[in-house]
Amino acid sequence: MALKWIGNIEIIGSSHLGGGTSEGRYDGEMEKRRWKKKEGEKKEKRKKKKKKKKKQEEEKKQKKKKRLK
């Protein structure tokens, strides 16, 4: 039986070794899902930030045009 440590999570047996049990053990699937969710949230945050920056740039342009008139 293989014993592996990832951070503070103990993995006993792994799929490629054909061992391990899921009861009370960690198989990596939940971590993958959590990671994907985090990545999605990061993408959304980046999009919002970009949109906000673009809006601010537009407002700056509008103010500049107003001043020049």
PDB file of N, CA and C in Angstrom:
ATOM      1  N   MET A   1       0.846  -1.184   0.000  1.00  0.00           N
ATOM      2  CA  MET A   1       0.000   0.000   0.000  1.00  0.00           C
ATOM      3  C   MET A   1       0.889   1.243   0.000  1.00  0.00           C
ATOM      4  N   ALA A   2       0.536   2.156  -0.848  1.00  0.00           N
ATOM      5  CA  ALA A   2       1.329   3.382  -0.962  1.00  0.00           C
ATOM      6  C   ALA A   2       0.796   4.429   0.010  1.00  0.00           C
ATOM      7  N   LEU A   3       1.714   5.149   0.598  1.00  0.00           N
ATOM      8  CA  LEU A   3       1.351   6.207   1.523  1.00  0.00           C
ATOM      9  C   LEU A   3       1.962   7.493   1.010  1.00  0.00           C
ATOM     10  N   LYS A   4       1.137   8.468   0.723  1.00  0.00           N
ATOM     11  CA  LYS A   4       1.634   9.690   0.111  1.00  0.00           C
ATOM     12  C   LYS A   4       1.055  10.891   0.859  1.00  0.00           C
ATOM     13  N   TRP A   5       1.838  11.948   1.007  1.00  0.00           N
ATOM     14  CA  TRP A   5       1.377  13.164   1.676  1.00  0.00           C
ATOM     15  C   TRP A   5       1.322  14.317   0.689  1.00  0.00           C
ATOM     16  N   ILE A   6       0.198  14.973   0.628  1.00  0.00           N
ATOM     17  CA  ILE A   6       0.078  16.188  -0.179  1.00  0.00           C
ATOM     18  C   ILE A   6      -0.419  17.248   0.791  1.00  0.00           C
ATOM     19  N   GLY A   7       0.439  18.177   1.133  1.00  0.00           N
ATOM     20  CA  GLY A   7       0.072  19.179   2.136  1.00  0.00           C
ATOM     21  C   GLY A   7      -0.173  18.462   3.437  1.00  0.00           C
ATOM     22  N   ASN A   8      -1.356  18.615   4.002  1.00  0.00           N
ATOM     23  CA  ASN A   8      -1.666  17.911   5.236  1.00  0.00           C
ATOM     24  C   ASN A   8      -2.711  16.825   4.986  1.00  0.00           C
ATOM     25  N   ILE A   9      -2.811  16.380   3.738  1.00  0.00           N
ATOM     26  CA  ILE A   9      -3.800  15.371   3.369  1.00  0.00           C
ATOM     27  C   ILE A   9      -3.082  14.062   3.087  1.00  0.00           C
ATOM     28  N   GLU A  10      -3.521  13.031   3.731  1.00  0.00           N
ATOM     29  CA  GLU A  10      -2.892  11.733   3.568  1.00  0.00           C
ATOM     30  C   GLU A  10      -3.656  10.931   2.517  1.00  0.00           C
ATOM     31  N   ILE A  11      -2.941  10.416   1.548  1.00  0.00           N
ATOM     32  CA  ILE A  11      -3.570   9.593   0.518  1.00  0.00           C
ATOM     33  C   ILE A  11      -3.039   8.181   0.699  1.00  0.00           C
ATOM     34  N   ILE A  12      -3.924   7.263   0.964  1.00  0.00           N
ATOM     35  CA  ILE A  12      -3.496   5.881   1.129  1.00  0.00           C
ATOM     36  C   ILE A  12      -3.950   5.108  -0.086  1.00  0.00           C
ATOM     37  N   GLY A  13      -2.983   4.600  -0.837  1.00  0.00           N
ATOM     38  CA  GLY A  13      -3.296   3.918  -2.079  1.00  0.00           C
ATOM     39  C   GLY A  13      -3.763   4.946  -3.092  1.00  0.00           C
ATOM     40  N   SER A  14      -3.533   4.697  -4.330  1.00  0.00           N
ATOM     41  CA  SER A  14      -4.036   5.621  -5.337  1.00  0.00           C
ATOM     42  C   SER A  14      -4.525   4.818  -6.521  1.00  0.00           C
ATOM     43  N   SER A  15      -5.314   5.446  -7.365  1.00  0.00           N
ATOM     44  CA  SER A  15      -5.979   4.729  -8.445  1.00  0.00           C
ATOM     45  C   SER A  15      -4.991   4.022  -9.362  1.00  0.00           C
ATOM     46  N   HIS A  16      -3.852   4.639  -9.633  1.00  0.00           N
ATOM     47  CA  HIS A  16      -2.923   3.983 -10.554  1.00  0.00           C
ATOM     48  C   HIS A  16      -2.220   2.790  -9.909  1.00  0.00           C
ATOM     49  N   LEU A  17      -2.312   2.690  -8.582  1.00  0.00           N
ATOM     50  CA  LEU A  17      -1.749   1.518  -7.910  1.00  0.00           C
ATOM     51  C   LEU A  17      -2.836   0.472  -7.661  1.00  0.00           C
ATOM     52  N   GLY A  18      -4.062   0.866  -7.936  1.00  0.00           N
ATOM     53  CA  GLY A  18      -5.176  -0.071  -7.772  1.00  0.00           C
ATOM     54  C   GLY A  18      -5.518  -0.323  -6.321  1.00  0.00           C
ATOM     55  N   GLY A  19      -5.218   0.594  -5.437  1.00  0.00           N
ATOM     56  CA  GLY A  19      -5.500   0.364  -4.023  1.00  0.00           C
ATOM     57  C   GLY A  19      -6.242   1.520  -3.409  1.00  0.00           C
ATOM     58  N   GLY A  20      -6.388   1.467  -2.111  1.00  0.00           N
ATOM     59  CA  GLY A  20      -7.006   2.567  -1.386  1.00  0.00           C
ATOM     60  C   GLY A  20      -8.500   2.392  -1.237  1.00  0.00           C
ATOM     61  N   THR A  21      -9.027   3.022  -0.224  1.00  0.00           N
ATOM     62  CA  THR A  21     -10.467   2.986   0.004  1.00  0.00           C
ATOM     63  C   THR A  21     -10.958   4.413   0.104  1.00  0.00           C
ATOM     64  N   SER A  22     -12.214   4.622  -0.205  1.00  0.00           N
ATOM     65  CA  SER A  22     -12.740   5.983  -0.168  1.00  0.00           C
ATOM     66  C   SER A  22     -13.326   6.300   1.201  1.00  0.00           C
ATOM     67  N   GLU A  23     -13.576   5.279   2.009  1.00  0.00           N
ATOM     68  CA  GLU A  23     -14.190   5.511   3.310  1.00  0.00           C
ATOM     69  C   GLU A  23     -13.197   6.158   4.273  1.00  0.00           C
ATOM     70  N   GLY A  24     -13.467   7.393   4.629  1.00  0.00           N
ATOM     71  CA  GLY A  24     -12.596   8.102   5.555  1.00  0.00           C
ATOM     72  C   GLY A  24     -11.256   8.458   4.941  1.00  0.00           C
ATOM     73  N   ARG A  25     -11.134   8.270   3.670  1.00  0.00           N
ATOM     74  CA  ARG A  25      -9.871   8.566   2.993  1.00  0.00           C
ATOM     75  C   ARG A  25     -10.095   9.703   2.012  1.00  0.00           C
ATOM     76  N   TYR A  26      -9.011  10.151   1.436  1.00  0.00           N
ATOM     77  CA  TYR A  26      -9.073  11.259   0.499  1.00  0.00           C
ATOM     78  C   TYR A  26      -8.638  10.741  -0.857  1.00  0.00           C
ATOM     79  N   ASP A  27      -9.463  10.893  -1.880  1.00  0.00           N
ATOM     80  CA  ASP A  27      -9.109  10.338  -3.196  1.00  0.00           C
ATOM     81  C   ASP A  27      -8.759  11.405  -4.226  1.00  0.00           C
ATOM     82  N   GLY A  28      -8.819  12.670  -3.866  1.00  0.00           N
ATOM     83  CA  GLY A  28      -8.392  13.710  -4.798  1.00  0.00           C
ATOM     84  C   GLY A  28      -9.513  14.340  -5.607  1.00  0.00           C
ATOM     85  N   GLU A  29     -10.655  13.695  -5.699  1.00  0.00           N
ATOM     86  CA  GLU A  29     -11.741  14.224  -6.531  1.00  0.00           C
ATOM     87  C   GLU A  29     -12.303  15.530  -5.979  1.00  0.00           C
ATOM     88  N   MET A  30     -12.496  15.575  -4.671  1.00  0.00           N
ATOM     89  CA  MET A  30     -13.045  16.793  -4.069  1.00  0.00           C
ATOM     90  C   MET A  30     -12.083  17.961  -4.258  1.00  0.00           C
ATOM     91  N   GLU A  31     -10.804  17.663  -4.109  1.00  0.00           N
ATOM     92  CA  GLU A  31      -9.797  18.714  -4.275  1.00  0.00           C
ATOM     93  C   GLU A  31      -9.824  19.254  -5.698  1.00  0.00           C
ATOM     94  N   LYS A  32      -9.976  18.369  -6.690  1.00  0.00           N
ATOM     95  CA  LYS A  32     -10.038  18.795  -8.094  1.00  0.00           C
ATOM     96  C   LYS A  32     -11.225  19.723  -8.310  1.00  0.00           C
ATOM     97  N   ARG A  33     -12.386  19.332  -7.753  1.00  0.00           N
ATOM     98  CA  ARG A  33     -13.592  20.143  -7.905  1.00  0.00           C
ATOM     99  C   ARG A  33     -13.403  21.513  -7.267  1.00  0.00           C
ATOM    100  N   ARG A  34     -12.820  21.501  -6.067  1.00  0.00           N
ATOM    101  CA  ARG A  34     -12.591  22.749  -5.347  1.00  0.00           C
ATOM    102  C   ARG A  34     -11.661  23.653  -6.147  1.00  0.00           C
ATOM    103  N   TRP A  35     -10.625  23.049  -6.738  1.00  0.00           N
ATOM    104  CA  TRP A  35      -9.650  23.799  -7.524  1.00  0.00           C
ATOM    105  C   TRP A  35     -10.325  24.426  -8.748  1.00  0.00           C
ATOM    106  N   LYS A  36     -11.161  23.625  -9.438  1.00  0.00           N
ATOM    107  CA  LYS A  36     -11.863  24.133 -10.623  1.00  0.00           C
ATOM    108  C   LYS A  36     -12.764  25.303 -10.251  1.00  0.00           C
ATOM    109  N   LYS A  37     -13.450  25.169  -9.120  1.00  0.00           N
ATOM    110  CA  LYS A  37     -14.346  26.232  -8.669  1.00  0.00           C
ATOM    111  C   LYS A  37     -13.548  27.508  -8.399  1.00  0.00           C
ATOM    112  N   LYS A  38     -12.415  27.359  -7.722  1.00  0.00           N
ATOM    113  CA  LYS A  38     -11.567  28.519  -7.422  1.00  0.00           C
ATOM    114  C   LYS A  38     -11.098  29.184  -8.700  1.00  0.00           C
ATOM    115  N   GLU A  39     -10.682  28.378  -9.676  1.00  0.00           N
ATOM    116  CA  GLU A  39     -10.216  28.923 -10.951  1.00  0.00           C
ATOM    117  C   GLU A  39     -11.327  29.711 -11.631  1.00  0.00           C
ATOM    118  N   GLY A  40     -12.531  29.166 -11.604  1.00  0.00           N
ATOM    119  CA  GLY A  40     -13.687  29.840 -12.193  1.00  0.00           C
ATOM    120  C   GLY A  40     -13.949  31.180 -11.522  1.00  0.00           C
ATOM    121  N   GLU A  41     -13.849  31.184 -10.184  1.00  0.00           N
ATOM    122  CA  GLU A  41     -14.070  32.423  -9.438  1.00  0.00           C
ATOM    123  C   GLU A  41     -13.006  33.457  -9.783  1.00  0.00           C
ATOM    124  N   LYS A  42     -11.767  33.003  -9.920  1.00  0.00           N
ATOM    125  CA  LYS A  42     -10.672  33.915 -10.272  1.00  0.00           C
ATOM    126  C   LYS A  42     -10.926  34.535 -11.641  1.00  0.00           C
ATOM    127  N   LYS A  43     -11.374  33.712 -12.593  1.00  0.00           N
ATOM    128  CA  LYS A  43     -11.670  34.206 -13.944  1.00  0.00           C
ATOM    129  C   LYS A  43     -12.744  35.285 -13.886  1.00  0.00           C
ATOM    130  N   GLU A  44     -13.799  35.008 -13.122  1.00  0.00           N
ATOM    131  CA  GLU A  44     -14.896  35.965 -12.992  1.00  0.00           C
ATOM    132  C   GLU A  44     -14.392  37.283 -12.408  1.00  0.00           C
ATOM    133  N   LYS A  45     -13.563  37.176 -11.389  1.00  0.00           N
ATOM    134  CA  LYS A  45     -13.019  38.367 -10.743  1.00  0.00           C
ATOM    135  C   LYS A  45     -12.224  39.196 -11.741  1.00  0.00           C
ATOM    136  N   ARG A  46     -11.384  38.497 -12.544  1.00  0.00           N
ATOM    137  CA  ARG A  46     -10.569  39.184 -13.544  1.00  0.00           C
ATOM    138  C   ARG A  46     -11.450  39.906 -14.556  1.00  0.00           C
ATOM    139  N   LYS A  47     -12.528  39.214 -15.000  1.00  0.00           N
ATOM    140  CA  LYS A  47     -13.445  39.806 -15.973  1.00  0.00           C
ATOM    141  C   LYS A  47     -14.065  41.079 -15.412  1.00  0.00           C
ATOM    142  N   LYS A  48     -14.533  40.994 -14.152  1.00  0.00           N
ATOM    143  CA  LYS A  48     -15.169  42.150 -13.521  1.00  0.00           C
ATOM    144  C   LYS A  48     -14.195  43.312 -13.420  1.00  0.00           C
ATOM    145  N   LYS A  49     -12.960  42.999 -13.029  1.00  0.00           N
ATOM    146  CA  LYS A  49     -11.939  44.033 -12.873  1.00  0.00           C
ATOM    147  C   LYS A  49     -11.674  44.719 -14.213  1.00  0.00           C
ATOM    148  N   LYS A  50     -11.564  43.902 -15.266  1.00  0.00           N
ATOM    149  CA  LYS A  50     -11.298  44.419 -16.605  1.00  0.00           C
ATOM    150  C   LYS A  50     -12.445  45.332 -17.048  1.00  0.00           C
ATOM    151  N   LYS A  51     -13.674  44.875 -16.807  1.00  0.00           N
ATOM    152  CA  LYS A  51     -14.856  45.634 -17.193  1.00  0.00           C
ATOM    153  C   LYS A  51     -14.884  46.980 -16.464  1.00  0.00           C
ATOM    154  N   LYS A  52     -14.563  46.942 -15.167  1.00  0.00           N
ATOM    155  CA  LYS A  52     -14.561  48.158 -14.356  1.00  0.00           C
ATOM    156  C   LYS A  52     -13.519  49.143 -14.878  1.00  0.00           C
ATOM    157  N   LYS A  53     -12.342  48.626 -15.197  1.00  0.00           N
ATOM    158  CA  LYS A  53     -11.263  49.471 -15.701  1.00  0.00           C
ATOM    159  C   LYS A  53     -11.667  50.122 -17.028  1.00  0.00           C
ATOM    160  N   LYS A  54     -12.295  49.327 -17.900  1.00  0.00           N
ATOM    161  CA  LYS A  54     -12.735  49.829 -19.202  1.00  0.00           C
ATOM    162  C   LYS A  54     -13.755  50.955 -19.013  1.00  0.00           C
ATOM    163  N   LYS A  55     -14.664  50.756 -18.082  1.00  0.00           N
ATOM    164  CA  LYS A  55     -15.698  51.752 -17.801  1.00  0.00           C
ATOM    165  C   LYS A  55     -15.060  53.051 -17.311  1.00  0.00           C
ATOM    166  N   GLN A  56     -14.070  52.922 -16.431  1.00  0.00           N
ATOM    167  CA  GLN A  56     -13.376  54.104 -15.916  1.00  0.00           C
ATOM    168  C   GLN A  56     -12.671  54.854 -17.039  1.00  0.00           C
ATOM    169  N   GLU A  57     -12.055  54.113 -17.947  1.00  0.00           N
ATOM    170  CA  GLU A  57     -11.377  54.735 -19.088  1.00  0.00           C
ATOM    171  C   GLU A  57     -12.370  55.523 -19.939  1.00  0.00           C
ATOM    172  N   GLU A  58     -13.534  54.926 -20.178  1.00  0.00           N
ATOM    173  CA  GLU A  58     -14.575  55.591 -20.962  1.00  0.00           C
ATOM    174  C   GLU A  58     -15.019  56.889 -20.285  1.00  0.00           C
ATOM    175  N   GLU A  59     -15.202  56.823 -18.969  1.00  0.00           N
ATOM    176  CA  GLU A  59     -15.617  58.013 -18.225  1.00  0.00           C
ATOM    177  C   GLU A  59     -14.562  59.112 -18.335  1.00  0.00           C
ATOM    178  N   LYS A  60     -13.302  58.729 -18.247  1.00  0.00           N
ATOM    179  CA  LYS A  60     -12.206  59.696 -18.380  1.00  0.00           C
ATOM    180  C   LYS A  60     -12.272  60.386 -19.739  1.00  0.00           C
ATOM    181  N   LYS A  61     -12.480  59.593 -20.788  1.00  0.00           N
ATOM    182  CA  LYS A  61     -12.559  60.138 -22.147  1.00  0.00           C
ATOM    183  C   LYS A  61     -13.708  61.134 -22.257  1.00  0.00           C
ATOM    184  N   GLN A  62     -14.863  60.763 -21.687  1.00  0.00           N
ATOM    185  CA  GLN A  62     -16.042  61.633 -21.742  1.00  0.00           C
ATOM    186  C   GLN A  62     -15.771  62.965 -21.047  1.00  0.00           C
ATOM    187  N   LYS A  63     -15.132  62.899 -19.873  1.00  0.00           N
ATOM    188  CA  LYS A  63     -14.827  64.119 -19.124  1.00  0.00           C
ATOM    189  C   LYS A  63     -13.861  65.002 -19.905  1.00  0.00           C
ATOM    190  N   LYS A  64     -12.892  64.368 -20.534  1.00  0.00           N
ATOM    191  CA  LYS A  64     -11.894  65.105 -21.311  1.00  0.00           C
ATOM    192  C   LYS A  64     -12.575  65.829 -22.480  1.00  0.00           C
ATOM    193  N   LYS A  65     -13.481  65.125 -23.165  1.00  0.00           N
ATOM    194  CA  LYS A  65     -14.215  65.725 -24.288  1.00  0.00           C
ATOM    195  C   LYS A  65     -15.025  66.928 -23.818  1.00  0.00           C
ATOM    196  N   LYS A  66     -15.664  66.790 -22.657  1.00  0.00           N
ATOM    197  CA  LYS A  66     -16.482  67.861 -22.108  1.00  0.00           C
ATOM    198  C   LYS A  66     -15.636  69.102 -21.829  1.00  0.00           C
ATOM    199  N   ARG A  67     -14.448  68.883 -21.274  1.00  0.00           N
ATOM    200  CA  ARG A  67     -13.558  69.993 -20.940  1.00  0.00           C
ATOM    201  C   ARG A  67     -13.079  70.725 -22.192  1.00  0.00           C
ATOM    202  N   LEU A  68     -12.828  69.968 -23.252  1.00  0.00           N
ATOM    203  CA  LEU A  68     -12.310  70.567 -24.478  1.00  0.00           C
ATOM    204  C   LEU A  68     -13.350  71.412 -25.211  1.00  0.00           C
ATOM    205  N   LYS A  69     -14.637  71.131 -25.000  1.00  0.00           N
ATOM    206  CA  LYS A  69     -15.702  71.862 -25.709  1.00  0.00           C
ATOM    207  C   LYS A  69     -15.835  73.275 -25.272  1.00  0.00           C
TER     208      LYS A  69
END
